[in-house]
């Protein structure tokens, strides 16, 4: 029996084109387009070339350097948004993808896993950041020191 290979669950959607505001013709700079951590999260949410999201969704590989950038940006966003009552939809869509879709992609038959201990630590970090983001408070409290997840190199 032939089995079609699944492309995996859907990831972040490409953002719709937003028309420029009518008026003076000048557009004010949106810090969520260019400032840390938003520029990194936007690139990840759009799965741009070189992003962690692009590597795992399209190549089924874990990019350690790109994961480190994503994890740092997610952590910074959680800190900034901790007391916010509302967020922009694209940020929520991205966090959903990184915390729900990425773990599923690691189960894909074409996924080339990194060291098992490192992968478990990374997935736990994504889960913890998702908890912080969606619940509004860090699961470890405000004084927790988030140590970097270190890859295991032979």
N, C-alpha and C. Protein backbone atom coordinates (compact mmCIF):
# COMPACT_ATOMS: atom_id res chain seq x y z
N UNK A 1 0.84 -1.17 0.00
CA UNK A 1 0.00 0.00 0.00
C UNK A 1 0.89 1.24 0.00
N UNK A 2 0.59 2.16 -0.89
CA UNK A 2 1.34 3.41 -0.95
C UNK A 2 0.81 4.37 0.10
N UNK A 3 1.73 5.02 0.77
CA UNK A 3 1.35 6.02 1.78
C UNK A 3 1.95 7.34 1.35
N UNK A 4 1.12 8.33 1.23
CA UNK A 4 1.62 9.67 0.87
C UNK A 4 2.31 10.27 2.07
N UNK A 5 3.45 10.91 1.82
CA UNK A 5 4.18 11.55 2.90
C UNK A 5 3.49 12.83 3.31
N UNK A 6 3.28 12.98 4.60
CA UNK A 6 2.66 14.20 5.12
C UNK A 6 3.67 15.33 5.13
N UNK A 7 3.22 16.49 4.79
CA UNK A 7 4.09 17.68 4.84
C UNK A 7 4.15 18.24 6.25
N UNK A 8 3.44 17.64 7.18
CA UNK A 8 3.44 18.11 8.56
C UNK A 8 2.33 19.13 8.78
N UNK A 9 2.16 19.53 10.03
CA UNK A 9 1.10 20.48 10.35
C UNK A 9 1.40 21.84 9.76
N UNK A 10 0.38 22.65 9.59
CA UNK A 10 0.61 23.98 9.04
C UNK A 10 1.43 24.83 10.01
N UNK A 11 2.15 25.76 9.47
CA UNK A 11 2.96 26.66 10.29
C UNK A 11 2.42 28.06 10.20
N UNK A 12 3.24 29.04 10.52
CA UNK A 12 2.74 30.41 10.48
C UNK A 12 2.34 30.82 9.07
N UNK A 13 1.32 31.60 9.01
CA UNK A 13 0.82 32.05 7.73
C UNK A 13 1.61 33.25 7.25
N UNK A 14 1.70 33.40 5.95
CA UNK A 14 2.31 34.60 5.41
C UNK A 14 1.39 35.77 5.73
N UNK A 15 1.93 36.86 6.23
CA UNK A 15 1.06 37.99 6.58
C UNK A 15 0.44 38.61 5.34
N UNK A 16 -0.77 39.08 5.51
CA UNK A 16 -1.46 39.75 4.41
C UNK A 16 -0.82 41.10 4.18
N UNK A 17 -0.86 41.55 2.96
CA UNK A 17 -0.36 42.86 2.62
C UNK A 17 -1.28 43.91 3.24
N UNK A 18 -0.69 44.83 3.95
CA UNK A 18 -1.48 45.88 4.60
C UNK A 18 -1.30 47.16 3.80
N UNK A 19 -2.40 47.76 3.34
CA UNK A 19 -2.27 48.99 2.57
C UNK A 19 -1.75 50.13 3.43
N UNK A 20 -1.01 51.03 2.81
CA UNK A 20 -0.52 52.22 3.50
C UNK A 20 -1.70 53.10 3.89
N UNK A 21 -1.60 53.79 5.03
CA UNK A 21 -2.70 54.66 5.42
C UNK A 21 -2.86 55.82 4.44
N UNK A 22 -4.11 56.21 4.28
CA UNK A 22 -4.41 57.34 3.40
C UNK A 22 -4.08 58.61 4.17
N UNK A 23 -3.48 59.57 3.50
CA UNK A 23 -3.18 60.82 4.19
C UNK A 23 -1.92 61.45 3.66
N UNK A 24 -1.03 61.77 4.56
CA UNK A 24 0.15 62.54 4.21
C UNK A 24 1.15 61.78 3.34
N UNK A 25 1.03 60.48 3.27
CA UNK A 25 1.97 59.70 2.48
C UNK A 25 3.20 59.31 3.27
N UNK A 26 3.31 59.76 4.51
CA UNK A 26 4.44 59.35 5.35
C UNK A 26 3.97 58.26 6.30
N UNK A 27 4.84 57.33 6.52
CA UNK A 27 4.52 56.21 7.41
C UNK A 27 5.47 56.25 8.58
N UNK A 28 4.93 56.23 9.77
CA UNK A 28 5.79 56.21 10.94
C UNK A 28 6.38 54.83 11.12
N UNK A 29 7.60 54.78 11.61
CA UNK A 29 8.28 53.52 11.85
C UNK A 29 7.59 52.76 12.97
N UNK A 30 7.27 51.50 12.69
CA UNK A 30 6.66 50.64 13.70
C UNK A 30 7.77 49.86 14.39
N UNK A 31 7.97 50.05 15.70
CA UNK A 31 9.06 49.34 16.38
C UNK A 31 8.90 47.83 16.30
N UNK A 32 7.69 47.34 16.06
CA UNK A 32 7.51 45.89 15.96
C UNK A 32 7.98 45.36 14.61
N UNK A 33 8.39 46.24 13.71
CA UNK A 33 8.97 45.80 12.44
C UNK A 33 10.50 45.74 12.50
N UNK A 34 11.11 46.54 13.40
CA UNK A 34 12.55 46.69 13.32
C UNK A 34 13.31 46.53 14.63
N UNK A 35 12.68 46.55 15.75
CA UNK A 35 13.40 46.52 17.02
C UNK A 35 13.42 45.12 17.62
N UNK A 36 14.50 44.87 18.41
CA UNK A 36 14.63 43.61 19.14
C UNK A 36 13.51 43.53 20.16
N UNK A 37 12.86 42.45 20.36
CA UNK A 37 13.01 41.15 19.70
C UNK A 37 12.07 40.98 18.51
N UNK A 38 11.33 42.03 18.21
CA UNK A 38 10.25 41.91 17.23
C UNK A 38 10.73 41.59 15.82
N UNK A 39 11.88 42.17 15.41
CA UNK A 39 12.34 41.88 14.05
C UNK A 39 12.71 40.41 13.91
N UNK A 40 13.28 39.82 14.95
CA UNK A 40 13.61 38.39 14.91
C UNK A 40 12.35 37.55 14.90
N UNK A 41 11.40 37.90 15.76
CA UNK A 41 10.15 37.13 15.80
C UNK A 41 9.36 37.25 14.51
N UNK A 42 9.36 38.43 13.90
CA UNK A 42 8.65 38.58 12.63
C UNK A 42 9.30 37.72 11.55
N UNK A 43 10.63 37.72 11.48
CA UNK A 43 11.33 36.89 10.50
C UNK A 43 11.03 35.41 10.73
N UNK A 44 10.97 35.01 11.98
CA UNK A 44 10.64 33.62 12.31
C UNK A 44 9.20 33.30 11.97
N UNK A 45 8.29 34.18 12.33
CA UNK A 45 6.87 33.93 12.08
C UNK A 45 6.60 33.81 10.59
N UNK A 46 7.36 34.54 9.79
CA UNK A 46 7.19 34.48 8.34
C UNK A 46 8.04 33.38 7.70
N UNK A 47 8.80 32.66 8.52
CA UNK A 47 9.68 31.56 8.06
C UNK A 47 10.62 32.04 6.95
N UNK A 48 11.25 33.19 7.19
CA UNK A 48 12.19 33.74 6.21
C UNK A 48 13.43 32.87 6.10
N UNK A 49 14.13 32.94 4.96
CA UNK A 49 15.37 32.17 4.80
C UNK A 49 16.36 32.48 5.93
N UNK A 50 16.97 31.43 6.47
CA UNK A 50 17.91 31.57 7.56
C UNK A 50 17.28 31.50 8.94
N UNK A 51 15.95 31.46 8.99
CA UNK A 51 15.27 31.38 10.28
C UNK A 51 15.16 29.93 10.74
N UNK A 52 15.00 29.76 12.03
CA UNK A 52 14.79 28.43 12.59
C UNK A 52 13.51 27.82 12.02
N UNK A 53 12.46 28.62 11.95
CA UNK A 53 11.17 28.15 11.46
C UNK A 53 11.29 27.63 10.03
N UNK A 54 12.02 28.34 9.21
CA UNK A 54 12.21 27.91 7.83
C UNK A 54 12.97 26.59 7.77
N UNK A 55 14.02 26.45 8.59
CA UNK A 55 14.84 25.23 8.58
C UNK A 55 14.02 24.01 9.00
N UNK A 56 13.24 24.15 10.06
CA UNK A 56 12.51 22.98 10.55
C UNK A 56 11.29 22.67 9.68
N UNK A 57 10.62 23.68 9.17
CA UNK A 57 9.41 23.45 8.37
C UNK A 57 9.72 22.96 6.97
N UNK A 58 10.78 23.46 6.37
CA UNK A 58 11.04 23.15 4.97
C UNK A 58 12.16 22.13 4.76
N UNK A 59 13.10 22.07 5.71
CA UNK A 59 14.23 21.16 5.56
C UNK A 59 14.21 20.05 6.61
N UNK A 60 13.31 20.13 7.57
CA UNK A 60 13.19 19.15 8.65
C UNK A 60 14.52 18.96 9.37
N UNK A 61 15.19 20.08 9.65
CA UNK A 61 16.44 20.01 10.39
C UNK A 61 16.42 21.04 11.52
N UNK A 62 17.15 20.75 12.56
CA UNK A 62 17.26 21.62 13.72
C UNK A 62 18.48 22.50 13.53
N UNK A 63 18.30 23.80 13.42
CA UNK A 63 19.39 24.75 13.27
C UNK A 63 19.69 25.33 14.66
N UNK A 64 20.80 24.88 15.25
CA UNK A 64 21.12 25.27 16.63
C UNK A 64 21.30 26.77 16.79
N UNK A 65 22.01 27.40 15.86
CA UNK A 65 22.25 28.84 15.95
C UNK A 65 20.93 29.62 15.81
N UNK A 66 20.12 29.22 14.85
CA UNK A 66 18.83 29.90 14.65
C UNK A 66 17.90 29.66 15.84
N UNK A 67 17.95 28.46 16.44
CA UNK A 67 17.13 28.20 17.62
C UNK A 67 17.54 29.14 18.76
N UNK A 68 18.83 29.34 18.94
CA UNK A 68 19.31 30.23 20.00
C UNK A 68 18.77 31.64 19.81
N UNK A 69 18.77 32.13 18.56
CA UNK A 69 18.22 33.47 18.27
C UNK A 69 16.72 33.50 18.59
N UNK A 70 15.99 32.48 18.12
CA UNK A 70 14.55 32.43 18.35
C UNK A 70 14.24 32.37 19.85
N UNK A 71 14.92 31.50 20.56
CA UNK A 71 14.66 31.34 22.00
C UNK A 71 14.92 32.64 22.74
N UNK A 72 15.99 33.34 22.42
CA UNK A 72 16.28 34.62 23.06
C UNK A 72 15.22 35.67 22.76
N UNK A 73 14.75 35.70 21.52
CA UNK A 73 13.71 36.66 21.14
C UNK A 73 12.39 36.32 21.83
N UNK A 74 12.06 35.03 21.92
CA UNK A 74 10.83 34.63 22.60
C UNK A 74 10.89 35.03 24.07
N UNK A 75 12.04 34.81 24.71
CA UNK A 75 12.19 35.15 26.12
C UNK A 75 12.06 36.66 26.32
N UNK A 76 12.69 37.44 25.44
CA UNK A 76 12.61 38.91 25.55
C UNK A 76 11.18 39.37 25.34
N UNK A 77 10.46 38.76 24.40
CA UNK A 77 9.07 39.14 24.15
C UNK A 77 8.21 38.82 25.38
N UNK A 78 8.45 37.68 26.00
CA UNK A 78 7.68 37.33 27.20
C UNK A 78 7.89 38.37 28.30
N UNK A 79 9.13 38.84 28.45
CA UNK A 79 9.42 39.85 29.46
C UNK A 79 8.67 41.14 29.16
N UNK A 80 8.70 41.58 27.90
CA UNK A 80 8.05 42.82 27.50
C UNK A 80 6.53 42.72 27.63
N UNK A 81 5.99 41.58 27.24
CA UNK A 81 4.53 41.43 27.18
C UNK A 81 3.90 40.92 28.47
N UNK A 82 4.70 40.65 29.47
CA UNK A 82 4.20 40.01 30.69
C UNK A 82 3.00 40.73 31.29
N UNK A 83 2.98 42.04 31.30
CA UNK A 83 1.87 42.77 31.92
C UNK A 83 0.91 43.38 30.90
N UNK A 84 1.07 43.02 29.62
CA UNK A 84 0.19 43.55 28.58
C UNK A 84 -1.14 42.81 28.58
N UNK A 85 -2.21 43.54 28.37
CA UNK A 85 -3.53 42.93 28.30
C UNK A 85 -3.84 42.40 26.90
N UNK A 86 -3.20 43.00 25.89
CA UNK A 86 -3.44 42.56 24.51
C UNK A 86 -2.10 42.41 23.79
N UNK A 87 -2.12 41.61 22.72
CA UNK A 87 -0.95 41.42 21.88
C UNK A 87 -1.39 41.48 20.43
N UNK A 88 -0.43 41.64 19.54
CA UNK A 88 -0.76 41.59 18.12
C UNK A 88 -0.90 40.13 17.71
N UNK A 89 -1.86 39.86 16.83
CA UNK A 89 -2.18 38.50 16.43
C UNK A 89 -0.96 37.74 15.91
N UNK A 90 -0.12 38.39 15.09
CA UNK A 90 1.00 37.67 14.50
C UNK A 90 1.95 37.13 15.56
N UNK A 91 2.07 37.82 16.70
CA UNK A 91 2.93 37.35 17.78
C UNK A 91 2.34 36.08 18.38
N UNK A 92 1.04 36.08 18.62
CA UNK A 92 0.37 34.89 19.14
C UNK A 92 0.44 33.71 18.19
N UNK A 93 0.29 33.99 16.89
CA UNK A 93 0.39 32.92 15.89
C UNK A 93 1.79 32.32 15.89
N UNK A 94 2.79 33.16 16.02
CA UNK A 94 4.16 32.66 16.07
C UNK A 94 4.40 31.79 17.29
N UNK A 95 3.99 32.27 18.46
CA UNK A 95 4.19 31.48 19.68
C UNK A 95 3.44 30.15 19.59
N UNK A 96 2.26 30.16 19.00
CA UNK A 96 1.54 28.90 18.82
C UNK A 96 2.35 27.95 17.95
N UNK A 97 2.90 28.45 16.85
CA UNK A 97 3.69 27.62 15.95
C UNK A 97 4.90 27.04 16.68
N UNK A 98 5.65 27.87 17.38
CA UNK A 98 6.90 27.41 18.00
C UNK A 98 6.65 26.47 19.17
N UNK A 99 5.51 26.62 19.84
CA UNK A 99 5.27 25.77 21.01
C UNK A 99 4.39 24.55 20.70
N UNK A 100 3.61 24.59 19.63
CA UNK A 100 2.73 23.46 19.30
C UNK A 100 3.17 22.73 18.04
N UNK A 101 3.56 23.46 17.02
CA UNK A 101 3.89 22.84 15.73
C UNK A 101 5.31 22.29 15.72
N UNK A 102 6.28 23.03 16.25
CA UNK A 102 7.66 22.57 16.22
C UNK A 102 7.82 21.19 16.86
N UNK A 103 7.25 20.95 18.07
CA UNK A 103 7.39 19.60 18.63
C UNK A 103 6.82 18.51 17.71
N UNK A 104 5.72 18.80 17.03
CA UNK A 104 5.15 17.82 16.10
C UNK A 104 6.09 17.58 14.92
N UNK A 105 6.75 18.62 14.44
CA UNK A 105 7.66 18.46 13.31
C UNK A 105 8.86 17.59 13.66
N UNK A 106 9.22 17.54 14.94
CA UNK A 106 10.35 16.68 15.34
C UNK A 106 9.98 15.20 15.26
N UNK A 107 8.70 14.91 15.07
CA UNK A 107 8.24 13.53 14.91
C UNK A 107 8.15 13.13 13.44
N UNK A 108 8.37 14.08 12.55
CA UNK A 108 8.24 13.79 11.11
C UNK A 108 9.33 12.79 10.69
N UNK A 109 9.00 11.84 9.81
CA UNK A 109 9.99 10.83 9.41
C UNK A 109 11.24 11.40 8.73
N UNK A 110 11.14 12.58 8.13
CA UNK A 110 12.31 13.18 7.47
C UNK A 110 13.14 14.06 8.41
N UNK A 111 12.65 14.27 9.62
CA UNK A 111 13.37 15.13 10.57
C UNK A 111 14.68 14.47 10.98
N UNK A 112 15.76 15.25 10.89
CA UNK A 112 17.08 14.78 11.31
C UNK A 112 17.33 15.38 12.70
N UNK A 113 17.21 14.56 13.73
CA UNK A 113 17.29 15.12 15.09
C UNK A 113 18.72 15.43 15.52
N UNK A 114 18.86 16.45 16.35
CA UNK A 114 20.15 16.69 17.00
C UNK A 114 20.29 15.69 18.16
N UNK A 115 21.29 15.87 18.97
CA UNK A 115 21.47 15.05 20.17
C UNK A 115 20.15 14.99 20.96
N UNK A 116 19.77 13.80 21.41
CA UNK A 116 18.47 13.59 22.07
C UNK A 116 18.31 14.43 23.33
N UNK A 117 19.34 14.54 24.15
CA UNK A 117 19.25 15.34 25.38
C UNK A 117 19.06 16.81 25.04
N UNK A 118 19.83 17.30 24.09
CA UNK A 118 19.70 18.69 23.66
C UNK A 118 18.31 18.96 23.11
N UNK A 119 17.79 18.07 22.28
CA UNK A 119 16.46 18.25 21.71
C UNK A 119 15.40 18.29 22.82
N UNK A 120 15.49 17.40 23.79
CA UNK A 120 14.53 17.40 24.91
C UNK A 120 14.58 18.73 25.66
N UNK A 121 15.80 19.24 25.88
CA UNK A 121 15.96 20.51 26.59
C UNK A 121 15.36 21.66 25.79
N UNK A 122 15.56 21.64 24.48
CA UNK A 122 15.01 22.70 23.61
C UNK A 122 13.48 22.65 23.61
N UNK A 123 12.93 21.46 23.49
CA UNK A 123 11.46 21.34 23.48
C UNK A 123 10.88 21.73 24.83
N UNK A 124 11.59 21.41 25.91
CA UNK A 124 11.14 21.84 27.24
C UNK A 124 11.19 23.37 27.35
N UNK A 125 12.23 23.98 26.77
CA UNK A 125 12.33 25.44 26.80
C UNK A 125 11.18 26.07 26.03
N UNK A 126 10.86 25.52 24.85
CA UNK A 126 9.73 26.05 24.08
C UNK A 126 8.44 25.92 24.88
N UNK A 127 8.25 24.79 25.55
CA UNK A 127 7.06 24.58 26.38
C UNK A 127 7.01 25.62 27.50
N UNK A 128 8.15 25.84 28.17
CA UNK A 128 8.19 26.81 29.27
C UNK A 128 7.93 28.23 28.79
N UNK A 129 8.50 28.59 27.63
CA UNK A 129 8.25 29.93 27.09
C UNK A 129 6.80 30.07 26.64
N UNK A 130 6.23 29.02 26.11
CA UNK A 130 4.81 29.04 25.76
C UNK A 130 3.94 29.25 26.99
N UNK A 131 4.29 28.57 28.07
CA UNK A 131 3.55 28.74 29.33
C UNK A 131 3.63 30.19 29.79
N UNK A 132 4.81 30.77 29.75
CA UNK A 132 5.01 32.16 30.16
C UNK A 132 4.20 33.08 29.27
N UNK A 133 4.30 32.88 27.96
CA UNK A 133 3.61 33.74 27.01
C UNK A 133 2.09 33.65 27.17
N UNK A 134 1.55 32.44 27.17
CA UNK A 134 0.10 32.27 27.17
C UNK A 134 -0.53 32.51 28.54
N UNK A 135 0.22 32.30 29.62
CA UNK A 135 -0.33 32.52 30.96
C UNK A 135 0.02 33.89 31.53
N UNK A 136 1.00 34.56 30.94
CA UNK A 136 1.34 35.91 31.37
C UNK A 136 2.36 36.00 32.48
N UNK A 137 2.78 34.86 33.03
CA UNK A 137 3.81 34.87 34.07
C UNK A 137 4.76 33.71 33.83
N UNK A 138 6.01 33.92 34.20
CA UNK A 138 7.02 32.88 34.06
C UNK A 138 6.67 31.70 34.95
N UNK A 139 6.81 30.47 34.44
CA UNK A 139 6.52 29.31 35.29
C UNK A 139 7.52 29.16 36.43
N UNK A 140 8.63 29.92 36.38
CA UNK A 140 9.66 29.82 37.40
C UNK A 140 9.77 31.06 38.29
N UNK A 141 8.92 32.04 38.07
CA UNK A 141 8.96 33.25 38.87
C UNK A 141 9.82 34.33 38.23
N UNK A 142 9.68 35.56 38.72
CA UNK A 142 10.33 36.71 38.08
C UNK A 142 11.85 36.74 38.20
N UNK A 143 12.42 36.07 39.18
CA UNK A 143 13.86 36.14 39.40
C UNK A 143 14.62 34.96 38.77
N UNK A 144 13.92 34.14 38.02
CA UNK A 144 14.57 32.96 37.43
C UNK A 144 15.61 33.38 36.40
N UNK A 145 16.77 32.75 36.44
CA UNK A 145 17.82 32.99 35.46
C UNK A 145 17.69 31.93 34.37
N UNK A 146 17.34 32.38 33.18
CA UNK A 146 17.17 31.47 32.04
C UNK A 146 18.53 31.18 31.43
N UNK A 147 19.11 30.04 31.75
CA UNK A 147 20.40 29.65 31.19
C UNK A 147 20.20 29.24 29.73
N UNK A 148 21.17 29.55 28.86
CA UNK A 148 21.06 29.13 27.46
C UNK A 148 21.02 27.60 27.35
N UNK A 149 20.28 27.11 26.38
CA UNK A 149 20.28 25.68 26.10
C UNK A 149 21.52 25.41 25.25
N UNK A 150 22.39 24.57 25.76
CA UNK A 150 23.67 24.30 25.10
C UNK A 150 23.61 23.02 24.28
N UNK A 151 23.98 23.10 23.01
CA UNK A 151 24.05 21.88 22.19
C UNK A 151 25.16 20.96 22.70
N UNK A 152 24.95 19.67 22.53
CA UNK A 152 25.97 18.68 22.90
C UNK A 152 26.87 18.47 21.69
N UNK A 153 28.12 18.89 21.80
CA UNK A 153 29.07 18.71 20.71
C UNK A 153 30.08 17.64 21.10
N UNK A 154 30.35 16.72 20.18
CA UNK A 154 31.30 15.63 20.50
C UNK A 154 32.71 16.13 20.69
